[in-house]
């Protein structure tokens, strides 16, 4: 995917690499089998609070003829109505998060906002929905002066995402600026990479048509049936099992504790795994009644993999809608994450 000439040790002249990714084969579910066979939760990554700067804009004006020509050509036929988001120190973090998001659905939606970038996923077959918000402190520069303020977004395939954002470490270390140009009115979403000197790459990613599901989830509120705030380390024993052998997590919500069980994939039989977490071990725990809650083991592990990059704590609560189990990161300021799971709830 990435030309080795991008490395400064080998690149002493302008490298103008122009990619067009046009993956269009749609499918209902995409899961990274290689990464998820052994379900483990990765370590938290450090997020850098970027200092707002216009250094990038000055660099573009004075450097790559590729970028200048591209901007000129775009301006001839259409008006730019999107947002541009530039980061420098948080490139590894962005790549890791987006690779994890690509496991949740067949497509990823980049929604430009005035002071932040929102990335959503929606699995239409299960109603699973996630929203990740990268606030202004995540970027060194945001340009939304031409943005049409709507919930329109750029939808690209998860296959494209896994190609673009899987950047080798030796190249990633030499990227000075990584910019996302998200304009829903265009046929392509643009990714631009700037290395040392005048080294640069431009990637154009084919946009797919989609129905934006965001309105179905944004206004769902906690029903107050239960709320659980937990440190993720309490769930460590769940992550040491293969996702190919398990289908569901079963939570027996008691007044003073939560009993966790697991259902097997092929037989549907509840396994011998059984742990009980006392209410006092949670940061917060309250429930109106005792009930049994079951939901996808695999989706929960994938969500935890994202949350641990942001914080060590999460909130679990019940809301309305087709995917009523809401899980959010707890105590994170620069990047926010929430996911809605389909689930079954039974009274005891």
C-alpha atoms as a PDB file:
ATOM      1  CA  UNK A   1       0.000   0.000   0.000  1.00  0.00           C
ATOM      2  CA  UNK A   2       2.587   2.528   1.085  1.00  0.00           C
ATOM      3  CA  UNK A   3       5.619   3.220  -1.075  1.00  0.00           C
ATOM      4  CA  UNK A   4       8.878   2.635   0.757  1.00  0.00           C
ATOM      5  CA  UNK A   5      10.173   5.778  -0.916  1.00  0.00           C
ATOM      6  CA  UNK A   6       8.113   7.656   1.633  1.00  0.00           C
ATOM      7  CA  UNK A   7      10.856   6.967   4.139  1.00  0.00           C
ATOM      8  CA  UNK A   8      13.189   9.967   4.464  1.00  0.00           C
ATOM      9  CA  UNK A   9      16.308   7.787   4.280  1.00  0.00           C
ATOM     10  CA  UNK A  10      15.369   6.869   0.729  1.00  0.00           C
ATOM     11  CA  UNK A  11      13.387   9.924  -0.331  1.00  0.00           C
ATOM     12  CA  UNK A  12      15.390  12.978  -1.271  1.00  0.00           C
ATOM     13  CA  UNK A  13      13.011  14.263  -3.925  1.00  0.00           C
ATOM     14  CA  UNK A  14       9.264  14.788  -4.114  1.00  0.00           C
ATOM     15  CA  UNK A  15       7.345  11.557  -4.082  1.00  0.00           C
ATOM     16  CA  UNK A  16       3.929  12.032  -5.691  1.00  0.00           C
ATOM     17  CA  UNK A  17       1.932   8.896  -5.064  1.00  0.00           C
ATOM     18  CA  UNK A  18      -1.729   8.980  -6.041  1.00  0.00           C
ATOM     19  CA  UNK A  19      -3.958   6.090  -4.961  1.00  0.00           C
ATOM     20  CA  UNK A  20      -7.603   5.547  -5.832  1.00  0.00           C
ATOM     21  CA  UNK A  21      -9.287   2.870  -3.725  1.00  0.00           C
ATOM     22  CA  UNK A  22     -12.580   1.697  -5.168  1.00  0.00           C
ATOM     23  CA  UNK A  23     -13.693  -1.253  -3.098  1.00  0.00           C
ATOM     24  CA  UNK A  24     -17.424  -1.611  -3.685  1.00  0.00           C
ATOM     25  CA  UNK A  25     -18.293  -5.205  -2.820  1.00  0.00           C
ATOM     26  CA  UNK A  26     -20.765  -4.860   0.043  1.00  0.00           C
ATOM     27  CA  UNK A  27     -21.423  -7.569   2.599  1.00  0.00           C
ATOM     28  CA  UNK A  28     -23.523  -7.742   5.747  1.00  0.00           C
ATOM     29  CA  UNK A  29     -20.740  -8.484   8.204  1.00  0.00           C
ATOM     30  CA  UNK A  30     -16.974  -8.056   8.216  1.00  0.00           C
ATOM     31  CA  UNK A  31     -14.870  -9.438  11.046  1.00  0.00           C
ATOM     32  CA  UNK A  32     -11.131  -9.710  11.256  1.00  0.00           C
ATOM     33  CA  UNK A  33     -10.792 -13.422  12.012  1.00  0.00           C
ATOM     34  CA  UNK A  34      -7.021 -13.304  12.423  1.00  0.00           C
ATOM     35  CA  UNK A  35      -7.151 -10.652  15.128  1.00  0.00           C
ATOM     36  CA  UNK A  36     -10.222 -11.950  16.941  1.00  0.00           C
ATOM     37  CA  UNK A  37      -9.577 -15.689  17.220  1.00  0.00           C
ATOM     38  CA  UNK A  38      -7.762 -14.985  20.464  1.00  0.00           C
ATOM     39  CA  UNK A  39      -9.825 -12.403  22.279  1.00  0.00           C
ATOM     40  CA  UNK A  40      -7.567 -10.149  24.233  1.00  0.00           C
ATOM     41  CA  UNK A  41      -7.866  -6.522  25.212  1.00  0.00           C
ATOM     42  CA  UNK A  42      -5.001  -4.270  24.212  1.00  0.00           C
ATOM     43  CA  UNK A  43      -3.249  -1.726  26.369  1.00  0.00           C
ATOM     44  CA  UNK A  44      -4.374   1.876  26.678  1.00  0.00           C
ATOM     45  CA  UNK A  45      -2.710   4.238  24.199  1.00  0.00           C
ATOM     46  CA  UNK A  46      -1.566   7.705  25.102  1.00  0.00           C
ATOM     47  CA  UNK A  47      -3.494  10.557  23.491  1.00  0.00           C
ATOM     48  CA  UNK A  48      -1.598  13.799  22.964  1.00  0.00           C
ATOM     49  CA  UNK A  49      -3.459  17.060  23.412  1.00  0.00           C
ATOM     50  CA  UNK A  50      -2.435  18.864  20.244  1.00  0.00           C
ATOM     51  CA  UNK A  51      -1.623  22.566  20.143  1.00  0.00           C
ATOM     52  CA  UNK A  52      -3.722  24.357  17.542  1.00  0.00           C
ATOM     53  CA  UNK A  53      -1.511  25.553  14.700  1.00  0.00           C
ATOM     54  CA  UNK A  54      -1.589  26.736  11.093  1.00  0.00           C
ATOM     55  CA  UNK A  55       1.809  25.222  10.318  1.00  0.00           C
ATOM     56  CA  UNK A  56       0.194  22.590   8.138  1.00  0.00           C
ATOM     57  CA  UNK A  57      -1.592  25.129   5.929  1.00  0.00           C
ATOM     58  CA  UNK A  58       1.647  27.007   5.387  1.00  0.00           C
ATOM     59  CA  UNK A  59       3.423  23.745   4.538  1.00  0.00           C
ATOM     60  CA  UNK A  60       0.834  22.834   1.901  1.00  0.00           C
ATOM     61  CA  UNK A  61       1.087  26.257   0.270  1.00  0.00           C
ATOM     62  CA  UNK A  62       4.866  26.077   0.052  1.00  0.00           C
ATOM     63  CA  UNK A  63       5.551  22.434  -0.703  1.00  0.00           C
ATOM     64  CA  UNK A  64       3.926  19.755  -2.764  1.00  0.00           C
ATOM     65  CA  UNK A  65       2.985  20.529  -6.335  1.00  0.00           C
ATOM     66  CA  UNK A  66       0.822  17.419  -6.166  1.00  0.00           C
ATOM     67  CA  UNK A  67      -1.376  18.970  -3.493  1.00  0.00           C
ATOM     68  CA  UNK A  68      -1.519  22.383  -5.138  1.00  0.00           C
ATOM     69  CA  UNK A  69      -2.513  20.882  -8.479  1.00  0.00           C
ATOM     70  CA  UNK A  70      -5.104  18.692  -6.781  1.00  0.00           C
ATOM     71  CA  UNK A  71      -6.725  21.647  -4.992  1.00  0.00           C
ATOM     72  CA  UNK A  72      -6.782  23.668  -8.223  1.00  0.00           C
ATOM     73  CA  UNK A  73      -8.390  20.840 -10.190  1.00  0.00           C
ATOM     74  CA  UNK A  74     -11.041  20.307  -7.539  1.00  0.00           C
ATOM     75  CA  UNK A  75     -11.908  23.993  -7.526  1.00  0.00           C
ATOM     76  CA  UNK A  76     -12.609  24.122 -11.249  1.00  0.00           C
ATOM     77  CA  UNK A  77     -15.707  21.963 -11.221  1.00  0.00           C
ATOM     78  CA  UNK A  78     -17.161  22.000  -7.733  1.00  0.00           C
ATOM     79  CA  UNK A  79     -17.453  23.851  -4.454  1.00  0.00           C
ATOM     80  CA  UNK A  80     -15.799  22.319  -1.396  1.00  0.00           C
ATOM     81  CA  UNK A  81     -18.405  21.682   1.328  1.00  0.00           C
ATOM     82  CA  UNK A  82     -16.554  19.443   3.763  1.00  0.00           C
ATOM     83  CA  UNK A  83     -14.094  19.563   6.627  1.00  0.00           C
ATOM     84  CA  UNK A  84     -10.344  19.095   6.808  1.00  0.00           C
ATOM     85  CA  UNK A  85      -8.803  17.526   9.915  1.00  0.00           C
ATOM     86  CA  UNK A  86      -5.048  17.496  10.472  1.00  0.00           C
ATOM     87  CA  UNK A  87      -3.140  15.560  13.125  1.00  0.00           C
ATOM     88  CA  UNK A  88       0.512  15.052  13.895  1.00  0.00           C
ATOM     89  CA  UNK A  89       1.259  13.232  17.166  1.00  0.00           C
ATOM     90  CA  UNK A  90      -1.903  11.095  17.322  1.00  0.00           C
ATOM     91  CA  UNK A  91      -1.436   9.203  14.056  1.00  0.00           C
ATOM     92  CA  UNK A  92      -0.786   5.812  15.684  1.00  0.00           C
ATOM     93  CA  UNK A  93      -3.800   6.260  17.933  1.00  0.00           C
ATOM     94  CA  UNK A  94      -6.093   7.154  15.012  1.00  0.00           C
ATOM     95  CA  UNK A  95      -4.925   4.174  12.964  1.00  0.00           C
ATOM     96  CA  UNK A  96      -5.451   1.727  15.842  1.00  0.00           C
ATOM     97  CA  UNK A  97      -8.942   3.010  16.643  1.00  0.00           C
ATOM     98  CA  UNK A  98     -10.119   2.998  13.031  1.00  0.00           C
ATOM     99  CA  UNK A  99      -8.775  -0.514  12.449  1.00  0.00           C
ATOM    100  CA  UNK A 100     -10.807  -1.672  15.456  1.00  0.00           C
ATOM    101  CA  UNK A 101     -13.906   0.142  14.188  1.00  0.00           C
ATOM    102  CA  UNK A 102     -13.549  -1.647  10.850  1.00  0.00           C
ATOM    103  CA  UNK A 103     -14.304  -4.913  12.673  1.00  0.00           C
ATOM    104  CA  UNK A 104     -17.766  -3.687  13.692  1.00  0.00           C
ATOM    105  CA  UNK A 105     -19.397  -3.301  10.272  1.00  0.00           C
ATOM    106  CA  UNK A 106     -18.854  -3.461   6.516  1.00  0.00           C
ATOM    107  CA  UNK A 107     -18.586   0.315   6.227  1.00  0.00           C
ATOM    108  CA  UNK A 108     -17.368   3.315   8.215  1.00  0.00           C
ATOM    109  CA  UNK A 109     -18.954   6.765   8.050  1.00  0.00           C
ATOM    110  CA  UNK A 110     -16.836   9.905   8.515  1.00  0.00           C
ATOM    111  CA  UNK A 111     -19.099  12.824   9.499  1.00  0.00           C
ATOM    112  CA  UNK A 112     -17.420  16.264   9.475  1.00  0.00           C
ATOM    113  CA  UNK A 113     -18.539  18.631  12.239  1.00  0.00           C
ATOM    114  CA  UNK A 114     -17.601  22.215  12.984  1.00  0.00           C
ATOM    115  CA  UNK A 115     -15.277  21.524  15.921  1.00  0.00           C
ATOM    116  CA  UNK A 116     -14.843  17.743  15.819  1.00  0.00           C
ATOM    117  CA  UNK A 117     -14.805  14.682  13.584  1.00  0.00           C
ATOM    118  CA  UNK A 118     -17.380  11.960  14.140  1.00  0.00           C
ATOM    119  CA  UNK A 119     -16.882   8.397  12.910  1.00  0.00           C
ATOM    120  CA  UNK A 120     -19.826   5.983  12.949  1.00  0.00           C
ATOM    121  CA  UNK A 121     -20.350   2.319  12.165  1.00  0.00           C
ATOM    122  CA  UNK A 122     -23.652   0.541  11.609  1.00  0.00           C
ATOM    123  CA  UNK A 123     -24.247  -3.158  11.099  1.00  0.00           C
ATOM    124  CA  UNK A 124     -27.662  -3.287   9.430  1.00  0.00           C
ATOM    125  CA  UNK A 125     -28.077  -7.027  10.024  1.00  0.00           C
ATOM    126  CA  UNK A 126     -27.762  -6.732  13.824  1.00  0.00           C
ATOM    127  CA  UNK A 127     -28.528  -2.992  14.392  1.00  0.00           C
ATOM    128  CA  UNK A 128     -25.151  -2.605  16.139  1.00  0.00           C
ATOM    129  CA  UNK A 129     -24.189   1.079  16.035  1.00  0.00           C
ATOM    130  CA  UNK A 130     -21.108   2.936  17.270  1.00  0.00           C
ATOM    131  CA  UNK A 131     -20.091   6.563  17.368  1.00  0.00           C
ATOM    132  CA  UNK A 132     -16.552   7.834  18.010  1.00  0.00           C
ATOM    133  CA  UNK A 133     -15.995  11.567  18.461  1.00  0.00           C
ATOM    134  CA  UNK A 134     -12.536  13.064  17.997  1.00  0.00           C
ATOM    135  CA  UNK A 135     -12.670  16.475  19.654  1.00  0.00           C
ATOM    136  CA  UNK A 136     -10.697  19.538  18.558  1.00  0.00           C
ATOM    137  CA  UNK A 137      -7.804  18.836  20.964  1.00  0.00           C
ATOM    138  CA  UNK A 138      -7.057  15.665  18.990  1.00  0.00           C
ATOM    139  CA  UNK A 139      -6.017  17.705  15.932  1.00  0.00           C
ATOM    140  CA  UNK A 140      -3.502  20.453  15.269  1.00  0.00           C
ATOM    141  CA  UNK A 141      -5.845  22.029  12.756  1.00  0.00           C
ATOM    142  CA  UNK A 142      -9.510  21.851  11.755  1.00  0.00           C
ATOM    143  CA  UNK A 143     -10.822  23.742   8.742  1.00  0.00           C
ATOM    144  CA  UNK A 144     -14.608  23.652   8.459  1.00  0.00           C
ATOM    145  CA  UNK A 145     -15.110  27.134   7.038  1.00  0.00           C
ATOM    146  CA  UNK A 146     -16.939  25.683   4.006  1.00  0.00           C
ATOM    147  CA  UNK A 147     -18.835  22.974   5.871  1.00  0.00           C
ATOM    148  CA  UNK A 148     -22.550  22.588   5.272  1.00  0.00           C
ATOM    149  CA  UNK A 149     -23.782  21.800   8.799  1.00  0.00           C
ATOM    150  CA  UNK A 150     -25.713  18.558   8.392  1.00  0.00           C
ATOM    151  CA  UNK A 151     -25.274  14.963   9.499  1.00  0.00           C
ATOM    152  CA  UNK A 152     -24.116  14.002   6.019  1.00  0.00           C
ATOM    153  CA  UNK A 153     -21.009  11.863   5.919  1.00  0.00           C
ATOM    154  CA  UNK A 154     -18.473  10.062   3.780  1.00  0.00           C
ATOM    155  CA  UNK A 155     -19.111   6.326   3.738  1.00  0.00           C
ATOM    156  CA  UNK A 156     -16.202   4.065   2.808  1.00  0.00           C
ATOM    157  CA  UNK A 157     -15.780   0.301   2.976  1.00  0.00           C
ATOM    158  CA  UNK A 158     -14.027  -1.350   5.888  1.00  0.00           C
ATOM    159  CA  UNK A 159     -11.778  -3.058   3.356  1.00  0.00           C
ATOM    160  CA  UNK A 160     -10.548   0.342   2.219  1.00  0.00           C
ATOM    161  CA  UNK A 161     -10.054   1.400   5.828  1.00  0.00           C
ATOM    162  CA  UNK A 162      -7.909  -1.640   6.564  1.00  0.00           C
ATOM    163  CA  UNK A 163      -5.774  -0.824   3.539  1.00  0.00           C
ATOM    164  CA  UNK A 164      -5.277   2.871   4.279  1.00  0.00           C
ATOM    165  CA  UNK A 165      -4.889   2.896   8.053  1.00  0.00           C
ATOM    166  CA  UNK A 166      -2.672  -0.175   8.371  1.00  0.00           C
ATOM    167  CA  UNK A 167       0.512   1.882   8.058  1.00  0.00           C
ATOM    168  CA  UNK A 168       3.867   0.195   8.790  1.00  0.00           C
ATOM    169  CA  UNK A 169       5.563   1.585  11.893  1.00  0.00           C
ATOM    170  CA  UNK A 170       8.683   2.683  10.038  1.00  0.00           C
ATOM    171  CA  UNK A 171       6.555   4.819   7.710  1.00  0.00           C
ATOM    172  CA  UNK A 172       4.220   6.024  10.445  1.00  0.00           C
ATOM    173  CA  UNK A 173       7.131   7.426  12.426  1.00  0.00           C
ATOM    174  CA  UNK A 174       8.140   9.616   9.491  1.00  0.00           C
ATOM    175  CA  UNK A 175       4.729  11.139   8.790  1.00  0.00           C
ATOM    176  CA  UNK A 176       4.719  14.749   9.947  1.00  0.00           C
ATOM    177  CA  UNK A 177       1.094  15.468   9.115  1.00  0.00           C
ATOM    178  CA  UNK A 178      -1.883  13.221   8.409  1.00  0.00           C
ATOM    179  CA  UNK A 179      -4.957  14.924   7.017  1.00  0.00           C
ATOM    180  CA  UNK A 180      -8.501  13.752   6.307  1.00  0.00           C
ATOM    181  CA  UNK A 181     -10.575  15.727   3.806  1.00  0.00           C
ATOM    182  CA  UNK A 182     -14.193  14.670   4.313  1.00  0.00           C
ATOM    183  CA  UNK A 183     -16.632  16.214   1.837  1.00  0.00           C
ATOM    184  CA  UNK A 184     -19.895  14.237   1.478  1.00  0.00           C
ATOM    185  CA  UNK A 185     -20.681  16.001  -1.809  1.00  0.00           C
ATOM    186  CA  UNK A 186     -17.670  14.423  -3.558  1.00  0.00           C
ATOM    187  CA  UNK A 187     -17.217  10.977  -5.069  1.00  0.00           C
ATOM    188  CA  UNK A 188     -14.032  10.399  -3.072  1.00  0.00           C
ATOM    189  CA  UNK A 189     -12.776  11.054   0.449  1.00  0.00           C
ATOM    190  CA  UNK A 190      -9.172  12.230   0.479  1.00  0.00           C
ATOM    191  CA  UNK A 191      -6.331  11.206   2.792  1.00  0.00           C
ATOM    192  CA  UNK A 192      -3.072  13.166   2.542  1.00  0.00           C
ATOM    193  CA  UNK A 193       0.236  12.290   4.198  1.00  0.00           C
ATOM    194  CA  UNK A 194       3.156  14.686   4.524  1.00  0.00           C
ATOM    195  CA  UNK A 195       6.614  13.492   5.412  1.00  0.00           C
ATOM    196  CA  UNK A 196       9.914  15.313   5.790  1.00  0.00           C
ATOM    197  CA  UNK A 197      10.661  18.068   3.305  1.00  0.00           C
ATOM    198  CA  UNK A 198       8.400  17.821   0.285  1.00  0.00           C
ATOM    199  CA  UNK A 199       7.595  14.121   0.539  1.00  0.00           C
ATOM    200  CA  UNK A 200       3.859  13.540   0.242  1.00  0.00           C
ATOM    201  CA  UNK A 201       1.195  11.032  -0.682  1.00  0.00           C
ATOM    202  CA  UNK A 202      -2.432  11.520  -1.721  1.00  0.00           C
ATOM    203  CA  UNK A 203      -5.014   8.750  -1.373  1.00  0.00           C
ATOM    204  CA  UNK A 204      -8.498   9.047  -2.860  1.00  0.00           C
ATOM    205  CA  UNK A 205     -11.052   6.645  -1.416  1.00  0.00           C
ATOM    206  CA  UNK A 206     -14.266   5.809  -3.223  1.00  0.00           C
ATOM    207  CA  UNK A 207     -17.389   6.872  -1.301  1.00  0.00           C
ATOM    208  CA  UNK A 208     -20.351   4.497  -1.089  1.00  0.00           C
ATOM    209  CA  UNK A 209     -24.023   5.409  -0.987  1.00  0.00           C
ATOM    210  CA  UNK A 210     -25.659   4.789   2.380  1.00  0.00           C
ATOM    211  CA  UNK A 211     -28.605   5.605   4.612  1.00  0.00           C
ATOM    212  CA  UNK A 212     -27.434   7.550   7.644  1.00  0.00           C
ATOM    213  CA  UNK A 213     -28.619   5.742  10.800  1.00  0.00           C
ATOM    214  CA  UNK A 214     -27.398   8.353  13.261  1.00  0.00           C
ATOM    215  CA  UNK A 215     -30.793   9.917  14.038  1.00  0.00           C
ATOM    216  CA  UNK A 216     -32.091   6.557  15.266  1.00  0.00           C
ATOM    217  CA  UNK A 217     -29.503   6.485  18.056  1.00  0.00           C
ATOM    218  CA  UNK A 218     -28.551  10.025  19.069  1.00  0.00           C
ATOM    219  CA  UNK A 219     -31.619  10.771  21.151  1.00  0.00           C
ATOM    220  CA  UNK A 220     -31.941   7.522  23.074  1.00  0.00           C
ATOM    221  CA  UNK A 221     -31.900   8.074  26.822  1.00  0.00           C
ATOM    222  CA  UNK A 222     -31.197   5.873  29.792  1.00  0.00           C
ATOM    223  CA  UNK A 223     -34.355   4.103  30.959  1.00  0.00           C
ATOM    224  CA  UNK A 224     -32.856   3.949  34.481  1.00  0.00           C
ATOM    225  CA  UNK A 225     -33.553   0.207  34.577  1.00  0.00           C
ATOM    226  CA  UNK A 226     -29.911  -0.237  35.482  1.00  0.00           C
ATOM    227  CA  UNK A 227     -26.553   1.501  35.284  1.00  0.00           C
ATOM    228  CA  UNK A 228     -23.150  -0.074  35.769  1.00  0.00           C
ATOM    229  CA  UNK A 229     -19.811   1.755  35.820  1.00  0.00           C
ATOM    230  CA  UNK A 230     -16.890  -0.638  35.902  1.00  0.00           C
ATOM    231  CA  UNK A 231     -13.133  -0.853  35.680  1.00  0.00           C
ATOM    232  CA  UNK A 232     -12.357  -3.072  32.697  1.00  0.00           C
ATOM    233  CA  UNK A 233      -9.849  -5.163  34.678  1.00  0.00           C
ATOM    234  CA  UNK A 234     -12.775  -6.807  36.484  1.00  0.00           C
ATOM    235  CA  UNK A 235     -13.659  -8.507  33.201  1.00  0.00           C
ATOM    236  CA  UNK A 236     -10.166  -9.780  32.356  1.00  0.00           C
ATOM    237  CA  UNK A 237     -11.055 -13.454  32.651  1.00  0.00           C
ATOM    238  CA  UNK A 238     -13.575 -13.078  29.800  1.00  0.00           C
ATOM    239  CA  UNK A 239     -10.936 -11.963  27.329  1.00  0.00           C
ATOM    240  CA  UNK A 240      -8.785 -15.093  27.557  1.00  0.00           C
ATOM    241  CA  UNK A 241     -11.169 -17.221  25.496  1.00  0.00           C
ATOM    242  CA  UNK A 242     -11.600 -17.804  21.788  1.00  0.00           C
ATOM    243  CA  UNK A 243     -14.416 -15.839  20.207  1.00  0.00           C
ATOM    244  CA  UNK A 244     -15.010 -18.736  17.795  1.00  0.00           C
ATOM    245  CA  UNK A 245     -16.258 -20.984  20.599  1.00  0.00           C
ATOM    246  CA  UNK A 246     -18.523 -18.510  22.413  1.00  0.00           C
ATOM    247  CA  UNK A 247     -21.631 -16.666  21.266  1.00  0.00           C
ATOM    248  CA  UNK A 248     -23.088 -14.745  24.204  1.00  0.00           C
ATOM    249  CA  UNK A 249     -22.346 -13.119  27.511  1.00  0.00           C
ATOM    250  CA  UNK A 250     -25.089 -13.665  30.070  1.00  0.00           C
ATOM    251  CA  UNK A 251     -25.348 -11.209  32.958  1.00  0.00           C
ATOM    252  CA  UNK A 252     -27.573 -12.116  35.883  1.00  0.00           C
ATOM    253  CA  UNK A 253     -28.207  -8.712  37.422  1.00  0.00           C
ATOM    254  CA  UNK A 254     -28.807  -9.181  41.147  1.00  0.00           C
ATOM    255  CA  UNK A 255     -29.445  -6.486  43.727  1.00  0.00           C
ATOM    256  CA  UNK A 256     -25.963  -6.749  45.189  1.00  0.00           C
ATOM    257  CA  UNK A 257     -23.925  -8.490  42.504  1.00  0.00           C
ATOM    258  CA  UNK A 258     -23.590  -9.475  38.848  1.00  0.00           C
ATOM    259  CA  UNK A 259     -23.126 -13.118  37.859  1.00  0.00           C
ATOM    260  CA  UNK A 260     -21.395 -13.567  34.488  1.00  0.00           C
ATOM    261  CA  UNK A 261     -21.882 -16.674  32.349  1.00  0.00           C
ATOM    262  CA  UNK A 262     -20.969 -17.569  28.762  1.00  0.00           C
ATOM    263  CA  UNK A 263     -22.932 -19.410  26.087  1.00  0.00           C
ATOM    264  CA  UNK A 264     -21.160 -21.747  23.635  1.00  0.00           C
ATOM    265  CA  UNK A 265     -21.209 -20.970  19.928  1.00  0.00           C
ATOM    266  CA  UNK A 266     -22.305 -24.232  18.292  1.00  0.00           C
ATOM    267  CA  UNK A 267     -24.427 -25.942  20.927  1.00  0.00           C
ATOM    268  CA  UNK A 268     -26.022 -22.946  22.625  1.00  0.00           C
ATOM    269  CA  UNK A 269     -25.230 -24.572  25.958  1.00  0.00           C
ATOM    270  CA  UNK A 270     -24.155 -22.371  28.872  1.00  0.00           C
ATOM    271  CA  UNK A 271     -20.507 -23.165  29.660  1.00  0.00           C
ATOM    272  CA  UNK A 272     -19.014 -23.913  33.069  1.00  0.00           C
ATOM    273  CA  UNK A 273     -17.567 -20.404  33.215  1.00  0.00           C
ATOM    274  CA  UNK A 274     -19.151 -18.544  36.116  1.00  0.00           C
ATOM    275  CA  UNK A 275     -17.889 -15.523  38.028  1.00  0.00           C
ATOM    276  CA  UNK A 276     -19.634 -13.188  40.443  1.00  0.00           C
ATOM    277  CA  UNK A 277     -18.698  -9.536  40.896  1.00  0.00           C
ATOM    278  CA  UNK A 278     -19.979  -7.852  44.046  1.00  0.00           C
ATOM    279  CA  UNK A 279     -21.697  -4.486  43.675  1.00  0.00           C
ATOM    280  CA  UNK A 280     -19.104  -2.762  45.867  1.00  0.00           C
ATOM    281  CA  UNK A 281     -16.378  -3.669  43.351  1.00  0.00           C
ATOM    282  CA  UNK A 282     -17.999  -1.510  40.682  1.00  0.00           C
ATOM    283  CA  UNK A 283     -17.479   2.239  40.528  1.00  0.00           C
ATOM    284  CA  UNK A 284     -21.261   2.540  40.351  1.00  0.00           C
ATOM    285  CA  UNK A 285     -23.992  -0.067  40.316  1.00  0.00           C
ATOM    286  CA  UNK A 286     -27.748   0.206  40.628  1.00  0.00           C
ATOM    287  CA  UNK A 287     -30.681  -1.755  39.266  1.00  0.00           C
ATOM    288  CA  UNK A 288     -34.429  -1.424  39.800  1.00  0.00           C
ATOM    289  CA  UNK A 289     -35.137  -5.134  39.524  1.00  0.00           C
ATOM    290  CA  UNK A 290     -33.301  -8.411  39.108  1.00  0.00           C
ATOM    291  CA  UNK A 291     -33.121  -9.629  35.507  1.00  0.00           C
ATOM    292  CA  UNK A 292     -31.004 -11.546  32.978  1.00  0.00           C
ATOM    293  CA  UNK A 293     -29.246  -9.701  30.168  1.00  0.00           C
ATOM    294  CA  UNK A 294     -27.590 -11.471  27.217  1.00  0.00           C
ATOM    295  CA  UNK A 295     -25.662 -10.033  24.265  1.00  0.00           C
ATOM    296  CA  UNK A 296     -22.902 -10.868  21.784  1.00  0.00           C
ATOM    297  CA  UNK A 297     -19.613 -11.971  23.326  1.00  0.00           C
ATOM    298  CA  UNK A 298     -17.629 -11.044  20.232  1.00  0.00           C
ATOM    299  CA  UNK A 299     -19.096  -7.544  19.889  1.00  0.00           C
ATOM    300  CA  UNK A 300     -18.462  -6.857  23.568  1.00  0.00           C
ATOM    301  CA  UNK A 301     -14.793  -7.854  23.258  1.00  0.00           C
ATOM    302  CA  UNK A 302     -14.361  -5.643  20.195  1.00  0.00           C
ATOM    303  CA  UNK A 303     -15.909  -2.707  22.061  1.00  0.00           C
ATOM    304  CA  UNK A 304     -13.624  -3.289  25.057  1.00  0.00           C
ATOM    305  CA  UNK A 305     -10.623  -3.273  22.731  1.00  0.00           C
ATOM    306  CA  UNK A 306     -11.567   0.244  21.660  1.00  0.00           C
ATOM    307  CA  UNK A 307     -12.440   1.491  25.134  1.00  0.00           C
ATOM    308  CA  UNK A 308      -9.130   0.384  26.655  1.00  0.00           C
ATOM    309  CA  UNK A 309      -7.317   2.677  24.230  1.00  0.00           C
ATOM    310  CA  UNK A 310      -9.243   5.601  25.730  1.00  0.00           C
ATOM    311  CA  UNK A 311      -9.761   4.743  29.378  1.00  0.00           C
ATOM    312  CA  UNK A 312      -9.784   1.825  31.778  1.00  0.00           C
ATOM    313  CA  UNK A 313     -13.454   2.303  32.674  1.00  0.00           C
ATOM    314  CA  UNK A 314     -16.800   1.993  30.916  1.00  0.00           C
ATOM    315  CA  UNK A 315     -20.507   2.611  31.507  1.00  0.00           C
ATOM    316  CA  UNK A 316     -23.162   0.014  30.690  1.00  0.00           C
ATOM    317  CA  UNK A 317     -26.832   1.035  30.682  1.00  0.00           C
ATOM    318  CA  UNK A 318     -30.163   0.149  29.118  1.00  0.00           C
ATOM    319  CA  UNK A 319     -31.836   2.499  26.638  1.00  0.00           C
ATOM    320  CA  UNK A 320     -34.652   2.201  24.093  1.00  0.00           C
ATOM    321  CA  UNK A 321     -34.352   1.328  20.410  1.00  0.00           C
ATOM    322  CA  UNK A 322     -33.403  -1.665  18.285  1.00  0.00           C
ATOM    323  CA  UNK A 323     -30.012  -1.946  20.004  1.00  0.00           C
ATOM    324  CA  UNK A 324     -30.909  -0.976  23.576  1.00  0.00           C
ATOM    325  CA  UNK A 325     -27.701  -1.848  25.452  1.00  0.00           C
ATOM    326  CA  UNK A 326     -25.476   1.229  25.483  1.00  0.00           C
ATOM    327  CA  UNK A 327     -21.789   1.075  26.389  1.00  0.00           C
ATOM    328  CA  UNK A 328     -19.701   4.236  26.670  1.00  0.00           C
ATOM    329  CA  UNK A 329     -16.195   5.152  27.686  1.00  0.00           C
ATOM    330  CA  UNK A 330     -16.012   6.674  31.175  1.00  0.00           C
ATOM    331  CA  UNK A 331     -13.964   9.779  31.911  1.00  0.00           C
ATOM    332  CA  UNK A 332     -12.443  10.510  28.494  1.00  0.00           C
ATOM    333  CA  UNK A 333     -12.183  14.076  27.220  1.00  0.00           C
ATOM    334  CA  UNK A 334     -10.324  14.169  23.898  1.00  0.00           C
ATOM    335  CA  UNK A 335     -11.939  11.114  22.270  1.00  0.00           C
ATOM    336  CA  UNK A 336     -15.414   9.824  23.150  1.00  0.00           C
ATOM    337  CA  UNK A 337     -16.822   6.432  22.216  1.00  0.00           C
ATOM    338  CA  UNK A 338     -20.258   4.870  22.538  1.00  0.00           C
ATOM    339  CA  UNK A 339     -21.725   1.691  21.130  1.00  0.00           C
ATOM    340  CA  UNK A 340     -25.261   0.276  21.051  1.00  0.00           C
ATOM    341  CA  UNK A 341     -25.677  -3.521  21.221  1.00  0.00           C
ATOM    342  CA  UNK A 342     -28.698  -5.640  20.394  1.00  0.00           C
ATOM    343  CA  UNK A 343     -29.554  -7.703  23.481  1.00  0.00           C
ATOM    344  CA  UNK A 344     -32.169  -9.823  25.218  1.00  0.00           C
ATOM    345  CA  UNK A 345     -33.584  -8.888  28.610  1.00  0.00           C
ATOM    346  CA  UNK A 346     -35.558 -11.353  30.733  1.00  0.00           C
ATOM    347  CA  UNK A 347     -37.144 -10.798  34.134  1.00  0.00           C
ATOM    348  CA  UNK A 348     -36.246 -13.207  36.916  1.00  0.00           C
END
